[in-house]
N, C-alpha and C. Protein backbone atom coordinates (compact mmCIF):
# COMPACT_ATOMS: atom_id res chain seq x y z
N UNK A 1 142.09 -135.05 -23.37
CA UNK A 1 143.42 -134.98 -23.94
C UNK A 1 143.33 -134.61 -25.42
N UNK A 2 144.25 -133.79 -25.82
CA UNK A 2 144.33 -133.39 -27.23
C UNK A 2 145.60 -133.96 -27.84
N UNK A 3 145.60 -134.05 -29.15
CA UNK A 3 146.81 -134.41 -29.88
C UNK A 3 147.46 -133.12 -30.34
N UNK A 4 148.74 -132.97 -30.03
CA UNK A 4 149.51 -131.79 -30.42
C UNK A 4 150.77 -132.24 -31.16
N UNK A 5 151.32 -131.34 -31.96
CA UNK A 5 152.57 -131.61 -32.67
C UNK A 5 153.62 -130.61 -32.23
N UNK A 6 154.81 -131.11 -32.01
CA UNK A 6 155.94 -130.27 -31.64
C UNK A 6 157.00 -130.41 -32.71
N UNK A 7 157.53 -129.28 -33.15
CA UNK A 7 158.57 -129.28 -34.18
C UNK A 7 159.92 -129.02 -33.54
N UNK A 8 160.96 -129.49 -34.22
CA UNK A 8 162.31 -129.23 -33.76
C UNK A 8 163.31 -129.55 -34.84
N UNK A 9 164.53 -129.03 -34.66
CA UNK A 9 165.61 -129.30 -35.61
C UNK A 9 166.94 -129.05 -34.93
N UNK A 10 167.95 -129.72 -35.45
CA UNK A 10 169.32 -129.54 -34.99
C UNK A 10 170.24 -129.66 -36.19
N UNK A 11 171.25 -128.82 -36.23
CA UNK A 11 172.28 -128.95 -37.25
C UNK A 11 173.42 -129.76 -36.64
N UNK A 12 173.82 -130.82 -37.33
CA UNK A 12 174.91 -131.66 -36.82
C UNK A 12 176.21 -131.28 -37.51
N UNK A 13 177.32 -131.70 -36.89
CA UNK A 13 178.64 -131.27 -37.34
C UNK A 13 179.11 -131.93 -38.63
N UNK A 14 178.69 -133.18 -38.87
CA UNK A 14 179.22 -133.92 -40.02
C UNK A 14 178.29 -135.07 -40.37
N UNK A 15 178.46 -135.58 -41.58
CA UNK A 15 177.73 -136.78 -41.99
C UNK A 15 178.47 -138.00 -41.45
N UNK A 16 178.43 -138.12 -40.14
CA UNK A 16 179.05 -139.24 -39.45
C UNK A 16 178.03 -139.82 -38.48
N UNK A 17 178.07 -141.13 -38.32
CA UNK A 17 177.11 -141.83 -37.48
C UNK A 17 176.99 -141.20 -36.10
N UNK A 18 178.10 -141.00 -35.43
CA UNK A 18 178.08 -140.47 -34.07
C UNK A 18 177.54 -139.04 -34.02
N UNK A 19 177.86 -138.23 -35.01
CA UNK A 19 177.36 -136.85 -35.04
C UNK A 19 175.85 -136.82 -35.19
N UNK A 20 175.31 -137.69 -36.03
CA UNK A 20 173.86 -137.76 -36.23
C UNK A 20 173.18 -138.27 -34.97
N UNK A 21 173.71 -139.31 -34.37
CA UNK A 21 173.11 -139.86 -33.15
C UNK A 21 173.19 -138.86 -32.00
N UNK A 22 174.33 -138.21 -31.84
CA UNK A 22 174.50 -137.25 -30.74
C UNK A 22 173.57 -136.06 -30.92
N UNK A 23 173.51 -135.50 -32.11
CA UNK A 23 172.64 -134.35 -32.36
C UNK A 23 171.16 -134.69 -32.19
N UNK A 24 170.77 -135.85 -32.69
CA UNK A 24 169.38 -136.27 -32.57
C UNK A 24 169.01 -136.55 -31.12
N UNK A 25 169.91 -137.17 -30.38
CA UNK A 25 169.68 -137.41 -28.96
C UNK A 25 169.49 -136.09 -28.22
N UNK A 26 170.33 -135.12 -28.51
CA UNK A 26 170.20 -133.80 -27.88
C UNK A 26 168.85 -133.18 -28.21
N UNK A 27 168.45 -133.26 -29.48
CA UNK A 27 167.19 -132.67 -29.91
C UNK A 27 165.99 -133.33 -29.23
N UNK A 28 165.92 -134.65 -29.27
CA UNK A 28 164.79 -135.36 -28.67
C UNK A 28 164.75 -135.10 -27.17
N UNK A 29 165.89 -135.17 -26.52
CA UNK A 29 165.95 -134.94 -25.07
C UNK A 29 165.48 -133.54 -24.70
N UNK A 30 165.88 -132.56 -25.50
CA UNK A 30 165.49 -131.17 -25.22
C UNK A 30 164.00 -130.96 -25.45
N UNK A 31 163.44 -131.56 -26.48
CA UNK A 31 161.98 -131.46 -26.72
C UNK A 31 161.23 -132.07 -25.54
N UNK A 32 161.68 -133.23 -25.09
CA UNK A 32 161.02 -133.90 -23.97
C UNK A 32 161.11 -133.05 -22.70
N UNK A 33 162.29 -132.51 -22.42
CA UNK A 33 162.49 -131.73 -21.19
C UNK A 33 161.71 -130.42 -21.22
N UNK A 34 161.79 -129.68 -22.31
CA UNK A 34 161.11 -128.37 -22.37
C UNK A 34 159.60 -128.49 -22.31
N UNK A 35 159.09 -129.66 -22.72
CA UNK A 35 157.64 -129.85 -22.72
C UNK A 35 157.16 -130.76 -21.60
N UNK A 36 158.06 -131.09 -20.68
CA UNK A 36 157.74 -131.94 -19.52
C UNK A 36 157.04 -133.23 -19.94
N UNK A 37 157.64 -133.93 -20.90
CA UNK A 37 157.04 -135.14 -21.45
C UNK A 37 157.76 -136.39 -20.97
N UNK A 38 157.02 -137.50 -20.97
CA UNK A 38 157.58 -138.84 -20.83
C UNK A 38 157.20 -139.60 -22.08
N UNK A 39 157.87 -140.71 -22.35
CA UNK A 39 157.62 -141.42 -23.61
C UNK A 39 156.16 -141.88 -23.75
N UNK A 40 155.46 -142.13 -22.64
CA UNK A 40 154.06 -142.52 -22.74
C UNK A 40 153.18 -141.40 -23.30
N UNK A 41 153.66 -140.17 -23.29
CA UNK A 41 152.91 -139.05 -23.86
C UNK A 41 153.05 -138.99 -25.38
N UNK A 42 154.06 -139.67 -25.91
CA UNK A 42 154.41 -139.55 -27.32
C UNK A 42 153.65 -140.57 -28.15
N UNK A 43 152.94 -140.08 -29.17
CA UNK A 43 152.20 -140.94 -30.08
C UNK A 43 153.11 -141.47 -31.17
N UNK A 44 153.88 -140.56 -31.82
CA UNK A 44 154.80 -140.94 -32.88
C UNK A 44 155.76 -139.79 -33.13
N UNK A 45 156.85 -140.10 -33.83
CA UNK A 45 157.82 -139.08 -34.22
C UNK A 45 158.23 -139.32 -35.66
N UNK A 46 158.17 -138.25 -36.45
CA UNK A 46 158.67 -138.28 -37.82
C UNK A 46 159.96 -137.48 -37.85
N UNK A 47 161.03 -138.13 -38.31
CA UNK A 47 162.32 -137.47 -38.46
C UNK A 47 162.60 -137.28 -39.94
N UNK A 48 163.21 -136.15 -40.27
CA UNK A 48 163.75 -135.98 -41.62
C UNK A 48 165.20 -135.53 -41.48
N UNK A 49 165.95 -135.80 -42.53
CA UNK A 49 167.35 -135.37 -42.58
C UNK A 49 167.59 -134.76 -43.95
N UNK A 50 168.44 -133.77 -44.00
CA UNK A 50 168.79 -133.19 -45.29
C UNK A 50 169.52 -134.26 -46.11
N UNK A 51 169.49 -134.14 -47.44
CA UNK A 51 170.07 -135.19 -48.29
C UNK A 51 171.55 -135.46 -48.06
N UNK A 52 172.24 -134.56 -47.39
CA UNK A 52 173.67 -134.76 -47.14
C UNK A 52 173.94 -135.60 -45.88
N UNK A 53 172.89 -136.03 -45.18
CA UNK A 53 173.05 -136.88 -44.00
C UNK A 53 172.58 -138.30 -44.32
N UNK A 54 173.53 -139.19 -44.50
CA UNK A 54 173.23 -140.57 -44.89
C UNK A 54 173.92 -141.61 -44.02
N UNK A 55 174.68 -141.19 -43.01
CA UNK A 55 175.50 -142.12 -42.24
C UNK A 55 174.71 -142.93 -41.21
N UNK A 56 173.51 -142.45 -40.83
CA UNK A 56 172.70 -143.19 -39.84
C UNK A 56 171.27 -142.67 -39.87
N UNK A 57 170.34 -143.52 -39.41
CA UNK A 57 168.95 -143.12 -39.26
C UNK A 57 168.81 -142.33 -37.96
N UNK A 58 168.24 -141.12 -38.00
CA UNK A 58 168.03 -140.37 -36.76
C UNK A 58 167.17 -141.12 -35.74
N UNK A 59 166.23 -141.92 -36.19
CA UNK A 59 165.35 -142.65 -35.27
C UNK A 59 166.12 -143.58 -34.34
N UNK A 60 167.28 -144.04 -34.76
CA UNK A 60 168.06 -144.92 -33.90
C UNK A 60 168.41 -144.23 -32.58
N UNK A 61 168.68 -142.94 -32.62
CA UNK A 61 169.00 -142.20 -31.40
C UNK A 61 167.82 -142.23 -30.43
N UNK A 62 166.61 -142.06 -30.95
CA UNK A 62 165.43 -142.11 -30.09
C UNK A 62 165.24 -143.50 -29.49
N UNK A 63 165.47 -144.53 -30.28
CA UNK A 63 165.37 -145.90 -29.77
C UNK A 63 166.34 -146.11 -28.61
N UNK A 64 167.53 -145.56 -28.76
CA UNK A 64 168.57 -145.76 -27.73
C UNK A 64 168.24 -145.05 -26.41
N UNK A 65 167.33 -144.06 -26.45
CA UNK A 65 167.01 -143.35 -25.20
C UNK A 65 165.58 -143.64 -24.71
N UNK A 66 165.04 -144.79 -25.14
CA UNK A 66 163.80 -145.24 -24.53
C UNK A 66 162.54 -145.20 -25.37
N UNK A 67 162.66 -144.94 -26.66
CA UNK A 67 161.48 -144.85 -27.52
C UNK A 67 161.19 -146.18 -28.23
N UNK A 68 161.41 -147.31 -27.55
CA UNK A 68 161.23 -148.62 -28.18
C UNK A 68 159.79 -148.87 -28.62
N UNK A 69 158.80 -148.36 -27.88
CA UNK A 69 157.39 -148.63 -28.18
C UNK A 69 156.71 -147.50 -28.94
N UNK A 70 157.47 -146.49 -29.34
CA UNK A 70 156.91 -145.34 -30.05
C UNK A 70 157.15 -145.52 -31.55
N UNK A 71 156.11 -145.40 -32.39
CA UNK A 71 156.33 -145.47 -33.82
C UNK A 71 157.21 -144.30 -34.30
N UNK A 72 158.27 -144.64 -35.02
CA UNK A 72 159.22 -143.66 -35.53
C UNK A 72 159.36 -143.85 -37.03
N UNK A 73 159.58 -142.75 -37.74
CA UNK A 73 159.74 -142.80 -39.19
C UNK A 73 160.81 -141.80 -39.60
N UNK A 74 161.65 -142.19 -40.55
CA UNK A 74 162.67 -141.29 -41.09
C UNK A 74 162.39 -141.04 -42.57
N UNK A 75 162.72 -139.83 -43.00
CA UNK A 75 162.60 -139.46 -44.40
C UNK A 75 163.67 -138.44 -44.75
N UNK A 76 163.73 -138.11 -46.02
CA UNK A 76 164.71 -137.13 -46.50
C UNK A 76 163.99 -135.84 -46.84
N UNK A 77 164.53 -134.72 -46.39
CA UNK A 77 164.01 -133.41 -46.77
C UNK A 77 164.19 -133.21 -48.27
N UNK A 78 163.35 -132.41 -48.87
CA UNK A 78 163.54 -132.13 -50.29
C UNK A 78 164.81 -131.30 -50.47
N UNK A 79 165.55 -131.54 -51.56
CA UNK A 79 166.84 -130.86 -51.75
C UNK A 79 166.67 -129.45 -52.32
N UNK A 80 166.32 -128.52 -51.47
CA UNK A 80 166.11 -127.13 -51.88
C UNK A 80 167.48 -126.44 -52.01
N UNK A 81 167.73 -125.77 -53.13
CA UNK A 81 169.01 -125.07 -53.27
C UNK A 81 169.20 -124.06 -52.14
N UNK A 82 170.39 -123.97 -51.64
CA UNK A 82 170.78 -123.02 -50.59
C UNK A 82 170.15 -123.32 -49.23
N UNK A 83 169.62 -124.52 -49.06
CA UNK A 83 169.06 -124.90 -47.75
C UNK A 83 170.20 -125.11 -46.76
N UNK A 84 169.89 -124.94 -45.49
CA UNK A 84 170.86 -125.18 -44.44
C UNK A 84 171.30 -126.64 -44.48
N UNK A 85 172.60 -126.91 -44.51
CA UNK A 85 173.06 -128.30 -44.60
C UNK A 85 173.05 -129.02 -43.25
N UNK A 86 173.11 -130.34 -43.32
CA UNK A 86 173.30 -131.24 -42.16
C UNK A 86 172.27 -131.01 -41.06
N UNK A 87 170.99 -131.00 -41.43
CA UNK A 87 169.93 -130.73 -40.45
C UNK A 87 169.04 -131.96 -40.27
N UNK A 88 168.83 -132.31 -39.02
CA UNK A 88 167.84 -133.33 -38.65
C UNK A 88 166.65 -132.57 -38.08
N UNK A 89 165.47 -132.87 -38.60
CA UNK A 89 164.23 -132.26 -38.11
C UNK A 89 163.35 -133.33 -37.50
N UNK A 90 162.45 -132.90 -36.64
CA UNK A 90 161.46 -133.84 -36.12
C UNK A 90 160.11 -133.16 -36.01
N UNK A 91 159.08 -133.99 -36.09
CA UNK A 91 157.73 -133.60 -35.73
C UNK A 91 157.24 -134.69 -34.79
N UNK A 92 157.03 -134.30 -33.54
CA UNK A 92 156.61 -135.24 -32.50
C UNK A 92 155.14 -135.01 -32.20
N UNK A 93 154.36 -136.07 -32.29
CA UNK A 93 152.93 -136.02 -31.98
C UNK A 93 152.75 -136.52 -30.56
N UNK A 94 152.04 -135.73 -29.75
CA UNK A 94 151.87 -136.08 -28.34
C UNK A 94 150.41 -135.97 -27.93
N UNK A 95 150.09 -136.61 -26.81
CA UNK A 95 148.81 -136.42 -26.13
C UNK A 95 149.07 -135.52 -24.94
N UNK A 96 148.26 -134.47 -24.81
CA UNK A 96 148.45 -133.54 -23.70
C UNK A 96 147.15 -132.77 -23.45
N UNK A 97 147.04 -132.27 -22.26
CA UNK A 97 145.91 -131.39 -21.95
C UNK A 97 146.30 -129.92 -22.13
N UNK A 98 147.57 -129.67 -22.46
CA UNK A 98 148.04 -128.29 -22.64
C UNK A 98 147.54 -127.72 -23.98
N UNK A 99 147.34 -126.40 -24.03
CA UNK A 99 146.93 -125.79 -25.30
C UNK A 99 148.09 -125.75 -26.30
N UNK A 100 147.76 -125.63 -27.55
CA UNK A 100 148.76 -125.56 -28.60
C UNK A 100 149.80 -124.47 -28.32
N UNK A 101 149.35 -123.35 -27.78
CA UNK A 101 150.25 -122.23 -27.50
C UNK A 101 151.30 -122.55 -26.44
N UNK A 102 151.10 -123.61 -25.68
CA UNK A 102 152.06 -123.98 -24.63
C UNK A 102 153.17 -124.90 -25.14
N UNK A 103 153.06 -125.37 -26.38
CA UNK A 103 154.07 -126.27 -26.91
C UNK A 103 155.38 -125.52 -27.12
N UNK A 104 156.48 -126.11 -26.69
CA UNK A 104 157.80 -125.52 -26.84
C UNK A 104 158.52 -126.20 -28.00
N UNK A 105 158.64 -125.50 -29.12
CA UNK A 105 159.36 -126.01 -30.28
C UNK A 105 160.84 -125.75 -30.05
N UNK A 106 161.69 -126.65 -30.54
CA UNK A 106 163.11 -126.61 -30.19
C UNK A 106 163.97 -126.59 -31.45
N UNK A 107 164.76 -125.54 -31.59
CA UNK A 107 165.70 -125.41 -32.71
C UNK A 107 167.08 -125.16 -32.13
N UNK A 108 167.99 -126.11 -32.36
CA UNK A 108 169.29 -126.10 -31.71
C UNK A 108 170.43 -125.85 -32.70
N UNK A 109 171.50 -125.32 -32.14
CA UNK A 109 172.73 -125.06 -32.91
C UNK A 109 172.39 -124.18 -34.10
N UNK A 110 172.97 -124.47 -35.25
CA UNK A 110 172.73 -123.66 -36.44
C UNK A 110 171.29 -123.70 -36.93
N UNK A 111 170.54 -124.73 -36.53
CA UNK A 111 169.14 -124.85 -36.96
C UNK A 111 168.27 -123.76 -36.36
N UNK A 112 168.75 -123.05 -35.36
CA UNK A 112 167.97 -121.93 -34.80
C UNK A 112 167.65 -120.90 -35.89
N UNK A 113 168.49 -120.83 -36.90
CA UNK A 113 168.27 -119.88 -38.00
C UNK A 113 167.03 -120.24 -38.83
N UNK A 114 166.55 -121.47 -38.74
CA UNK A 114 165.38 -121.88 -39.51
C UNK A 114 164.11 -121.23 -39.02
N UNK A 115 164.04 -120.98 -37.72
CA UNK A 115 162.83 -120.41 -37.13
C UNK A 115 163.21 -119.39 -36.07
N UNK A 116 163.73 -118.29 -36.50
CA UNK A 116 164.13 -117.24 -35.56
C UNK A 116 162.95 -116.73 -34.75
N UNK A 117 161.73 -116.91 -35.28
CA UNK A 117 160.54 -116.45 -34.57
C UNK A 117 160.22 -117.28 -33.34
N UNK A 118 160.66 -118.56 -33.32
CA UNK A 118 160.33 -119.41 -32.17
C UNK A 118 161.54 -120.10 -31.55
N UNK A 119 162.71 -119.97 -32.13
CA UNK A 119 163.89 -120.63 -31.58
C UNK A 119 164.22 -120.05 -30.21
N UNK A 120 164.67 -120.93 -29.33
CA UNK A 120 164.97 -120.50 -27.96
C UNK A 120 166.42 -120.78 -27.63
C-alpha cells in the first residue's frame, strides 16, 4: 500500500453555516465516490477555507458523514489579492494500491476554475 494525496475544492454560495457544510459534504462525498474510497482508506484530511468563510469549520461536515475516527484539520488560505472567494479546499491522504496517476482530484462549482487542467 502506498500513501497518496487527493486534492479538491468547492466554491460555496455564502459565508453561512449551512452553505459551508453543504458544499464541504458535496466535496468530500465526491472525492470518496470518484476514488472508490471508504473511510478506512483515509489517513487524514486537511481543509482550508478562504478568509471570507468564517461561519463554520469545514471539518464538521466530514464528521457528520462518518469521519469520526479520521484526523481532520482546518486552516485559512493565505489572503491573496484577486483570489477566488468562498472556497473550501481539501487535501486527503489515503492508503491505496493505485498509482498516483489514478487519483481523481475534484474541483466543483466555481472552484473548477482553479485547476482547469484537472477539473472534471
